[in-house]
Amino acid sequence: MKQFFGVLLLFTGMAWQACSPSHSIGQFAQKELLQQPGLESAQVGISLYNPAKGTYLYNWQESKYFVPASNTKLFTLYAGLKYLGDSLVGIRYRQTDTALFIVPAGDPTFLHPDFASQPVMDLLKKAQKNIYLTDANWRDRPLGRGWPWDDYNDDYMPERSPLPVYGNMIRWVQDSASASFYSIPDVNWEVRFTTDTQKKAFVVQREFNNNVFQITEGEGKNEERRVPFITNGTASAAILLKDTVGRTVFTASSGAPVPRPSGMTGSRPAGLSVVHSRPTDSLFRPMMHHSDNFFAEQTLLMVSNERLGSMNDARIIDTLLKNDLKGLPQKPIWVDGSGLSRNDLFTPLDFIWLLNKMKDEFGLARMKGILPTGGTGTLASYYKKDSGAIFAKTGSLTGVVALSGYLMTKKGHLLIFSVLINNHTAGGTAIRKDIEKLIEMVREKY
């Protein structure tokens, strides 16, 4: 009899294991994801976590390192939520009888076309006196570590700077009806025109080291191209502000003598007034919904400025990893704010840990208000029937697909998930559809 019950318990245990969530999800993942064309030789990491129970439903290479692409923005988002408060610091300043002294704060929304309200510009226009910019708190480079140098002309890789203006891009517009070209904002930088008959599209190419733009006329009408400009610290900002403000803006980086009133020394002088530009979440939502690299990079620099008194992504990343993020399961290699760099390396468990921490510190409702759901933002073509049940950040580079976020199952369980895929040879759309099948299966059954 004792032997009989032992055999019964053995078979009962085997049956339970066969029907366990981990086993069922593993079988589905193998068939519908891991064995799909283009993924047989790829690196795939998966982690599914139930925060209420503190248990994992499924793990596959969960502690291996992957290039996460724009999933890196989740770490930048955490830093912004933690240290930027309810409203962004637009600038810090001090006024005297004859001058307005500006200390930039890295705010990317200044004169950005997506933001109508411009409190900083209101101050600059109102102050009928000389304006002086300092960039003493700028301790970084315009391009991030490991960024592809030949993407410098593309609108997803504007330069970083202490005082961004117009998103650090020039909008070039071709109006074929009137046979005219113009820029927004209007610039006096050199423009050259070509008569290349081989190109049918409107093309604007900036020189690598200079704000010199070559324009090729296209066959379309009213076309627009956004091209990053060289920032030169605050020098280009001062040039572009001149017409908007209506007077010369002086900056040390342009070689102009910039006087300082008493106490205006160091990267963060004491006793400065502050202009707040807008609520922080009004920046974080488009940063996550549209995976805006520029907003993410400047967010990390703003955090550095508020936390350390100067803008340097390496210093603030090191500070965050040694303090707020010291509990990460695996210490990542984290080098930028956007995930443009292939030097970034994180594990699926890192994202599970971070998303759980953000839920606990900032509340799930706030996270839902910032991250895109099905049918919106970068998830516009995915999870449409699960809109309101999934809130996640995408990530894409050549050979890289990533998705990490929150999922509410049909049984009412909140799950946190991370799927990181590197070195695939299939199309990105096909792989995202394969991931969608896995997430929908988990939502349906658990």
Foldseek 3Di string as FASTA:
>chain_A
DVVVVVVVVVVVVVVCVCVQLANVLVVLCVPLACPDALNVPWDKWKWKAFVVVRDTSYTDQQADKFLAFQVLLLVLVVLLVVFCPFFHFQWWWDDDPAEIETQFLLDLVAQAPVDPFHQVLVVLLVPPHAAEYEQLQADEWQFFPQFDLVCQFAPLRATGARNHHRSQKKKWWAAVVVRDIAIVVGAPAAEAEDAPPVDQDWDWDADSPARYIYIYDHDDGGDIHITHHDCQHPVVVQRSCCVVSVHGHHYVSVVDDDDDDPQPDHLDGPDIDTDTGGTPLVLLQCCQLQLRQSSQQSSLQSSCCRPPVHGDNVVSVVVCCVPVVVPAPDRWQDTGRRSSHSSTMDGFSRLQVSQVVCCVPPNPVVQQVRFAFQCTRVNVPAPVVVGVFWGWGWRDDVQKTKIWGWGQAPVGGIMTMIMIIGRGDDDPVSSVVSVRVSRNVVSDPD
